[in-house]
Amino acid sequence: MDYHIYLAGEIHSDWRDQLRASLKEKPGVHFHFYGPQENHDLSDAIGEHVLGEQPNAVYKDLQASKINNLRTELHLKKADLVIALFGEKFKQWNTATDAATAIALGKPTIVIRPESLHHPLKELSEKANVTVDTIEQAAQVIDYIFA
């Protein structure tokens, strides 16, 4: 069986690699992972790469956002599971948007967040199927589901 997992979250660390490495091999189960564009410079510049130079930074961001949002929407719609990681270091507006969109689409969602972010993420965590504190705990949930 093939499963599509969307990994929402910051793009500045190797947390996606950590999660994939933590998953156990399962006979007949294949995971396909998707996520936001991890090349930050490309993500910010994609509008100008496609449409040419924009008149100012606002328009540059607007055009990049349209393309990035389309990419995210397509991946979220085909996802069987969404995992959204909230970390301590970076602001997580995109992660929150992706997780909320996934939940609104009825996609099963696992939120990973440290205990220190319990309060600011309490409503989102309540709507997610599962909330855990660590990447390893998320891997354990996936291993259990697909055992």
N, C-alpha and C. Protein backbone atom coordinates (compact mmCIF):
# COMPACT_ATOMS: atom_id res chain seq x y z
N MET A 1 0.83 -1.18 0.00
CA MET A 1 0.00 0.00 0.00
C MET A 1 0.88 1.24 0.00
N ASP A 2 0.52 2.24 -0.75
CA ASP A 2 1.24 3.50 -0.80
C ASP A 2 0.49 4.55 0.02
N TYR A 3 1.21 5.26 0.87
CA TYR A 3 0.62 6.32 1.69
C TYR A 3 1.40 7.61 1.45
N HIS A 4 0.66 8.70 1.34
CA HIS A 4 1.23 10.01 1.10
C HIS A 4 1.17 10.79 2.41
N ILE A 5 2.34 11.24 2.87
CA ILE A 5 2.42 11.97 4.13
C ILE A 5 3.00 13.35 3.85
N TYR A 6 2.25 14.37 4.25
CA TYR A 6 2.70 15.75 4.09
C TYR A 6 3.36 16.18 5.39
N LEU A 7 4.59 16.67 5.30
CA LEU A 7 5.36 17.08 6.47
C LEU A 7 5.42 18.61 6.51
N ALA A 8 4.49 19.20 7.27
CA ALA A 8 4.41 20.65 7.41
C ALA A 8 5.33 21.09 8.55
N GLY A 9 6.03 22.16 8.35
CA GLY A 9 6.88 22.66 9.42
C GLY A 9 8.07 23.40 8.89
N GLU A 10 8.84 23.91 9.81
CA GLU A 10 9.98 24.74 9.43
C GLU A 10 10.94 23.97 8.52
N ILE A 11 11.63 24.76 7.70
CA ILE A 11 12.48 24.16 6.67
C ILE A 11 13.96 24.33 6.97
N HIS A 12 14.29 24.75 8.19
CA HIS A 12 15.67 25.08 8.50
C HIS A 12 16.42 23.99 9.25
N SER A 13 15.77 22.91 9.60
CA SER A 13 16.44 21.82 10.31
C SER A 13 16.21 20.51 9.57
N ASP A 14 16.79 19.44 10.08
CA ASP A 14 16.67 18.13 9.43
C ASP A 14 15.58 17.27 10.07
N TRP A 15 14.55 17.89 10.64
CA TRP A 15 13.53 17.11 11.34
C TRP A 15 12.83 16.10 10.43
N ARG A 16 12.68 16.40 9.16
CA ARG A 16 12.04 15.46 8.24
C ARG A 16 12.89 14.19 8.09
N ASP A 17 14.20 14.39 7.97
CA ASP A 17 15.12 13.24 7.89
C ASP A 17 15.07 12.43 9.19
N GLN A 18 15.01 13.11 10.32
CA GLN A 18 14.91 12.42 11.61
C GLN A 18 13.65 11.56 11.68
N LEU A 19 12.53 12.10 11.22
CA LEU A 19 11.27 11.35 11.25
C LEU A 19 11.35 10.13 10.34
N ARG A 20 11.81 10.34 9.12
CA ARG A 20 11.91 9.22 8.17
C ARG A 20 12.83 8.13 8.71
N ALA A 21 13.94 8.53 9.32
CA ALA A 21 14.89 7.56 9.88
C ALA A 21 14.30 6.81 11.07
N SER A 22 13.36 7.42 11.76
CA SER A 22 12.76 6.79 12.94
C SER A 22 11.67 5.78 12.60
N LEU A 23 11.18 5.81 11.37
CA LEU A 23 10.11 4.89 10.98
C LEU A 23 10.67 3.51 10.69
N LYS A 24 9.95 2.50 11.14
CA LYS A 24 10.36 1.13 10.89
C LYS A 24 9.88 0.68 9.52
N GLU A 25 10.67 -0.18 8.89
CA GLU A 25 10.26 -0.77 7.60
C GLU A 25 9.02 -1.64 7.82
N LYS A 26 8.09 -1.55 6.88
CA LYS A 26 6.87 -2.34 6.96
C LYS A 26 6.65 -3.05 5.64
N PRO A 27 6.57 -4.36 5.66
CA PRO A 27 6.34 -5.09 4.41
C PRO A 27 5.04 -4.62 3.73
N GLY A 28 5.16 -4.27 2.46
CA GLY A 28 3.99 -3.89 1.69
C GLY A 28 3.50 -2.47 1.93
N VAL A 29 4.16 -1.71 2.78
CA VAL A 29 3.76 -0.33 3.07
C VAL A 29 4.87 0.59 2.57
N HIS A 30 4.48 1.55 1.75
CA HIS A 30 5.44 2.50 1.20
C HIS A 30 4.96 3.92 1.50
N PHE A 31 5.82 4.70 2.10
CA PHE A 31 5.49 6.08 2.41
C PHE A 31 6.12 7.00 1.37
N HIS A 32 5.33 7.96 0.90
CA HIS A 32 5.81 9.01 0.01
C HIS A 32 5.65 10.31 0.78
N PHE A 33 6.74 11.04 0.93
CA PHE A 33 6.73 12.25 1.74
C PHE A 33 6.73 13.49 0.87
N TYR A 34 5.94 14.46 1.29
CA TYR A 34 5.85 15.75 0.61
C TYR A 34 5.95 16.83 1.67
N GLY A 35 6.18 18.04 1.25
CA GLY A 35 6.24 19.15 2.19
C GLY A 35 6.44 20.45 1.45
N PRO A 36 6.62 21.50 2.22
CA PRO A 36 6.87 22.80 1.59
C PRO A 36 8.22 22.80 0.88
N GLN A 37 8.39 23.76 0.02
CA GLN A 37 9.68 23.93 -0.65
C GLN A 37 10.73 24.19 0.43
N GLU A 38 11.76 23.35 0.48
CA GLU A 38 12.77 23.47 1.53
C GLU A 38 13.92 24.39 1.15
N ASN A 39 13.98 24.83 -0.08
CA ASN A 39 14.97 25.82 -0.50
C ASN A 39 14.33 27.20 -0.29
N HIS A 40 14.69 27.84 0.83
CA HIS A 40 14.05 29.09 1.22
C HIS A 40 14.19 30.16 0.15
N ASP A 41 15.37 30.29 -0.44
CA ASP A 41 15.58 31.31 -1.47
C ASP A 41 14.68 31.06 -2.68
N LEU A 42 14.58 29.81 -3.11
CA LEU A 42 13.71 29.48 -4.23
C LEU A 42 12.25 29.77 -3.89
N SER A 43 11.83 29.38 -2.69
CA SER A 43 10.46 29.63 -2.25
C SER A 43 10.13 31.12 -2.32
N ASP A 44 11.05 31.95 -1.84
CA ASP A 44 10.81 33.40 -1.84
C ASP A 44 10.85 34.00 -3.24
N ALA A 45 11.59 33.39 -4.16
CA ALA A 45 11.81 33.98 -5.48
C ALA A 45 10.99 33.35 -6.60
N ILE A 46 10.21 32.30 -6.31
CA ILE A 46 9.55 31.55 -7.38
C ILE A 46 8.63 32.43 -8.22
N GLY A 47 7.97 33.39 -7.62
CA GLY A 47 7.10 34.29 -8.40
C GLY A 47 7.88 35.04 -9.46
N GLU A 48 9.04 35.54 -9.09
CA GLU A 48 9.85 36.27 -10.07
C GLU A 48 10.50 35.32 -11.06
N HIS A 49 10.84 34.10 -10.65
CA HIS A 49 11.38 33.13 -11.60
C HIS A 49 10.38 32.86 -12.71
N VAL A 50 9.11 32.79 -12.36
CA VAL A 50 8.07 32.45 -13.33
C VAL A 50 7.56 33.69 -14.07
N LEU A 51 7.29 34.76 -13.32
CA LEU A 51 6.59 35.92 -13.88
C LEU A 51 7.49 37.12 -14.18
N GLY A 52 8.75 37.02 -13.82
CA GLY A 52 9.65 38.13 -14.02
C GLY A 52 9.69 39.05 -12.82
N GLU A 53 10.59 40.02 -12.89
CA GLU A 53 10.79 40.95 -11.78
C GLU A 53 9.49 41.67 -11.43
N GLN A 54 9.24 41.77 -10.15
CA GLN A 54 8.04 42.45 -9.66
C GLN A 54 8.41 43.87 -9.23
N PRO A 55 7.42 44.77 -9.16
CA PRO A 55 7.73 46.17 -8.89
C PRO A 55 8.26 46.47 -7.49
N ASN A 56 7.96 45.59 -6.52
CA ASN A 56 8.47 45.81 -5.16
C ASN A 56 8.36 44.51 -4.37
N ALA A 57 8.84 44.54 -3.12
CA ALA A 57 8.88 43.33 -2.29
C ALA A 57 7.49 42.77 -1.99
N VAL A 58 6.51 43.64 -1.87
CA VAL A 58 5.14 43.17 -1.60
C VAL A 58 4.65 42.31 -2.76
N TYR A 59 4.81 42.78 -3.97
CA TYR A 59 4.37 42.02 -5.14
C TYR A 59 5.21 40.75 -5.33
N LYS A 60 6.51 40.85 -5.03
CA LYS A 60 7.36 39.66 -5.09
C LYS A 60 6.82 38.58 -4.15
N ASP A 61 6.52 38.96 -2.91
CA ASP A 61 5.97 38.02 -1.93
C ASP A 61 4.59 37.50 -2.34
N LEU A 62 3.77 38.39 -2.88
CA LEU A 62 2.42 38.00 -3.31
C LEU A 62 2.47 36.93 -4.39
N GLN A 63 3.31 37.13 -5.40
CA GLN A 63 3.39 36.15 -6.49
C GLN A 63 3.99 34.83 -6.01
N ALA A 64 5.01 34.89 -5.17
CA ALA A 64 5.60 33.66 -4.62
C ALA A 64 4.58 32.93 -3.77
N SER A 65 3.82 33.67 -2.98
CA SER A 65 2.80 33.06 -2.11
C SER A 65 1.74 32.32 -2.92
N LYS A 66 1.32 32.89 -4.01
CA LYS A 66 0.30 32.23 -4.84
C LYS A 66 0.81 30.88 -5.34
N ILE A 67 2.04 30.84 -5.82
CA ILE A 67 2.59 29.59 -6.34
C ILE A 67 2.85 28.60 -5.21
N ASN A 68 3.42 29.07 -4.10
CA ASN A 68 3.64 28.18 -2.95
C ASN A 68 2.33 27.66 -2.38
N ASN A 69 1.30 28.50 -2.31
CA ASN A 69 0.01 28.04 -1.81
C ASN A 69 -0.61 26.98 -2.72
N LEU A 70 -0.46 27.15 -4.03
CA LEU A 70 -0.97 26.14 -4.97
C LEU A 70 -0.25 24.82 -4.76
N ARG A 71 1.06 24.88 -4.63
CA ARG A 71 1.87 23.67 -4.39
C ARG A 71 1.41 22.96 -3.11
N THR A 72 1.27 23.74 -2.04
CA THR A 72 0.85 23.17 -0.77
C THR A 72 -0.55 22.57 -0.85
N GLU A 73 -1.47 23.28 -1.47
CA GLU A 73 -2.84 22.78 -1.60
C GLU A 73 -2.88 21.44 -2.33
N LEU A 74 -2.16 21.33 -3.43
CA LEU A 74 -2.14 20.07 -4.18
C LEU A 74 -1.59 18.92 -3.33
N HIS A 75 -0.50 19.17 -2.62
CA HIS A 75 0.09 18.13 -1.77
C HIS A 75 -0.82 17.77 -0.59
N LEU A 76 -1.43 18.77 0.02
CA LEU A 76 -2.33 18.49 1.14
C LEU A 76 -3.54 17.68 0.70
N LYS A 77 -4.08 17.99 -0.47
CA LYS A 77 -5.27 17.28 -0.94
C LYS A 77 -5.00 15.81 -1.21
N LYS A 78 -3.77 15.47 -1.63
CA LYS A 78 -3.49 14.06 -1.89
C LYS A 78 -2.92 13.34 -0.68
N ALA A 79 -2.69 14.07 0.42
CA ALA A 79 -2.10 13.46 1.61
C ALA A 79 -3.08 12.52 2.31
N ASP A 80 -2.53 11.40 2.77
CA ASP A 80 -3.30 10.48 3.63
C ASP A 80 -3.13 10.85 5.10
N LEU A 81 -2.04 11.54 5.39
CA LEU A 81 -1.71 11.93 6.75
C LEU A 81 -0.87 13.20 6.67
N VAL A 82 -1.10 14.11 7.63
CA VAL A 82 -0.32 15.34 7.72
C VAL A 82 0.34 15.37 9.09
N ILE A 83 1.63 15.66 9.08
CA ILE A 83 2.37 15.83 10.33
C ILE A 83 2.89 17.26 10.33
N ALA A 84 2.53 18.01 11.39
CA ALA A 84 2.90 19.41 11.49
C ALA A 84 3.81 19.61 12.69
N LEU A 85 5.04 20.02 12.43
CA LEU A 85 6.01 20.24 13.50
C LEU A 85 6.12 21.72 13.85
N PHE A 86 5.94 22.01 15.14
CA PHE A 86 6.16 23.34 15.68
C PHE A 86 7.37 23.27 16.59
N GLY A 87 8.37 24.08 16.29
CA GLY A 87 9.57 24.09 17.10
C GLY A 87 9.70 25.38 17.89
N GLU A 88 10.74 25.45 18.67
CA GLU A 88 10.98 26.61 19.53
C GLU A 88 11.61 27.78 18.78
N LYS A 89 12.41 27.49 17.76
CA LYS A 89 13.30 28.50 17.20
C LYS A 89 12.64 29.46 16.22
N PHE A 90 11.76 29.00 15.35
CA PHE A 90 11.23 29.83 14.28
C PHE A 90 9.75 30.11 14.49
N LYS A 91 9.29 31.24 13.99
CA LYS A 91 7.86 31.53 13.98
C LYS A 91 7.20 30.53 13.03
N GLN A 92 6.01 30.10 13.35
CA GLN A 92 5.42 28.96 12.66
C GLN A 92 4.10 29.29 11.97
N TRP A 93 4.01 30.44 11.35
CA TRP A 93 2.76 30.82 10.71
C TRP A 93 2.39 29.87 9.58
N ASN A 94 3.35 29.52 8.75
CA ASN A 94 3.06 28.60 7.64
C ASN A 94 2.64 27.23 8.15
N THR A 95 3.29 26.76 9.21
CA THR A 95 2.93 25.46 9.77
C THR A 95 1.50 25.49 10.29
N ALA A 96 1.14 26.55 10.99
CA ALA A 96 -0.22 26.67 11.52
C ALA A 96 -1.24 26.71 10.39
N THR A 97 -0.92 27.44 9.33
CA THR A 97 -1.82 27.52 8.18
C THR A 97 -1.98 26.15 7.53
N ASP A 98 -0.87 25.44 7.33
CA ASP A 98 -0.94 24.10 6.72
C ASP A 98 -1.74 23.13 7.59
N ALA A 99 -1.48 23.15 8.90
CA ALA A 99 -2.19 22.23 9.80
C ALA A 99 -3.68 22.55 9.82
N ALA A 100 -4.04 23.82 9.90
CA ALA A 100 -5.45 24.19 9.92
C ALA A 100 -6.14 23.83 8.61
N THR A 101 -5.45 24.03 7.50
CA THR A 101 -6.01 23.65 6.20
C THR A 101 -6.21 22.14 6.12
N ALA A 102 -5.23 21.38 6.57
CA ALA A 102 -5.35 19.92 6.56
C ALA A 102 -6.54 19.48 7.39
N ILE A 103 -6.70 20.03 8.56
CA ILE A 103 -7.82 19.67 9.44
C ILE A 103 -9.15 20.04 8.77
N ALA A 104 -9.20 21.23 8.15
CA ALA A 104 -10.43 21.65 7.46
C ALA A 104 -10.75 20.72 6.29
N LEU A 105 -9.71 20.16 5.66
CA LEU A 105 -9.92 19.21 4.56
C LEU A 105 -10.27 17.80 5.06
N GLY A 106 -10.27 17.62 6.37
CA GLY A 106 -10.57 16.31 6.94
C GLY A 106 -9.40 15.35 6.89
N LYS A 107 -8.18 15.88 6.75
CA LYS A 107 -7.00 15.02 6.69
C LYS A 107 -6.57 14.64 8.10
N PRO A 108 -6.30 13.36 8.36
CA PRO A 108 -5.75 12.98 9.66
C PRO A 108 -4.46 13.76 9.91
N THR A 109 -4.35 14.32 11.11
CA THR A 109 -3.25 15.22 11.41
C THR A 109 -2.61 14.90 12.75
N ILE A 110 -1.28 14.86 12.74
CA ILE A 110 -0.49 14.74 13.96
C ILE A 110 0.26 16.05 14.13
N VAL A 111 0.13 16.65 15.31
CA VAL A 111 0.87 17.87 15.64
C VAL A 111 2.02 17.47 16.56
N ILE A 112 3.21 17.94 16.22
CA ILE A 112 4.38 17.77 17.08
C ILE A 112 4.71 19.15 17.63
N ARG A 113 4.71 19.27 18.95
CA ARG A 113 5.06 20.54 19.55
C ARG A 113 5.64 20.30 20.94
N PRO A 114 6.66 21.09 21.31
CA PRO A 114 7.20 20.94 22.66
C PRO A 114 6.17 21.39 23.69
N GLU A 115 6.31 20.90 24.89
CA GLU A 115 5.37 21.25 25.95
C GLU A 115 5.27 22.76 26.15
N SER A 116 6.37 23.47 25.92
CA SER A 116 6.36 24.92 26.10
C SER A 116 5.40 25.64 25.15
N LEU A 117 5.01 24.99 24.07
CA LEU A 117 4.06 25.59 23.12
C LEU A 117 2.64 25.06 23.31
N HIS A 118 2.41 24.36 24.42
CA HIS A 118 1.07 23.82 24.68
C HIS A 118 0.02 24.93 24.63
N HIS A 119 0.23 25.99 25.37
CA HIS A 119 -0.79 27.03 25.47
C HIS A 119 -1.09 27.71 24.13
N PRO A 120 -0.08 28.21 23.40
CA PRO A 120 -0.42 28.91 22.15
C PRO A 120 -1.01 27.99 21.08
N LEU A 121 -0.82 26.68 21.22
CA LEU A 121 -1.33 25.75 20.20
C LEU A 121 -2.50 24.91 20.70
N LYS A 122 -3.09 25.28 21.83
CA LYS A 122 -4.11 24.42 22.45
C LYS A 122 -5.32 24.18 21.55
N GLU A 123 -5.81 25.20 20.85
CA GLU A 123 -6.98 24.99 19.99
C GLU A 123 -6.64 24.12 18.79
N LEU A 124 -5.49 24.37 18.19
CA LEU A 124 -5.08 23.56 17.05
C LEU A 124 -4.85 22.11 17.49
N SER A 125 -4.20 21.92 18.61
CA SER A 125 -3.96 20.57 19.12
C SER A 125 -5.27 19.84 19.39
N GLU A 126 -6.25 20.56 19.87
CA GLU A 126 -7.55 19.94 20.15
C GLU A 126 -8.24 19.47 18.87
N LYS A 127 -8.01 20.15 17.77
CA LYS A 127 -8.62 19.75 16.50
C LYS A 127 -7.83 18.66 15.77
N ALA A 128 -6.54 18.56 16.06
CA ALA A 128 -5.71 17.52 15.44
C ALA A 128 -6.13 16.16 16.00
N ASN A 129 -5.83 15.10 15.26
CA ASN A 129 -6.13 13.76 15.74
C ASN A 129 -5.26 13.37 16.92
N VAL A 130 -3.98 13.73 16.82
CA VAL A 130 -3.01 13.38 17.86
C VAL A 130 -2.04 14.54 18.01
N THR A 131 -1.66 14.83 19.25
CA THR A 131 -0.59 15.80 19.52
C THR A 131 0.47 15.11 20.36
N VAL A 132 1.72 15.25 19.94
CA VAL A 132 2.85 14.66 20.66
C VAL A 132 3.90 15.74 20.88
N ASP A 133 4.87 15.42 21.74
CA ASP A 133 5.92 16.38 22.08
C ASP A 133 7.17 16.25 21.23
N THR A 134 7.41 15.07 20.64
CA THR A 134 8.67 14.83 19.95
C THR A 134 8.47 14.15 18.60
N ILE A 135 9.50 14.24 17.78
CA ILE A 135 9.52 13.56 16.48
C ILE A 135 9.45 12.05 16.70
N GLU A 136 10.16 11.55 17.69
CA GLU A 136 10.18 10.12 17.99
C GLU A 136 8.77 9.61 18.36
N GLN A 137 8.02 10.41 19.12
CA GLN A 137 6.66 10.02 19.46
C GLN A 137 5.77 9.96 18.22
N ALA A 138 5.95 10.91 17.31
CA ALA A 138 5.18 10.88 16.06
C ALA A 138 5.52 9.62 15.27
N ALA A 139 6.79 9.26 15.21
CA ALA A 139 7.19 8.03 14.52
C ALA A 139 6.56 6.80 15.17
N GLN A 140 6.48 6.80 16.49
CA GLN A 140 5.85 5.67 17.19
C GLN A 140 4.37 5.56 16.83
N VAL A 141 3.70 6.70 16.72
CA VAL A 141 2.28 6.69 16.33
C VAL A 141 2.13 6.11 14.93
N ILE A 142 2.97 6.56 14.00
CA ILE A 142 2.91 6.04 12.63
C ILE A 142 3.22 4.54 12.60
N ASP A 143 4.24 4.13 13.33
CA ASP A 143 4.58 2.71 13.39
C ASP A 143 3.40 1.90 13.91
N TYR A 144 2.71 2.41 14.90
CA TYR A 144 1.54 1.72 15.46
C TYR A 144 0.39 1.65 14.44
N ILE A 145 0.12 2.76 13.79
CA ILE A 145 -0.99 2.81 12.83
C ILE A 145 -0.77 1.84 11.68
N PHE A 146 0.46 1.79 11.18
CA PHE A 146 0.74 1.00 9.99
C PHE A 146 1.42 -0.33 10.29
N ALA A 147 1.33 -0.79 11.53
CA ALA A 147 1.95 -2.07 11.92
C ALA A 147 1.29 -3.24 11.21
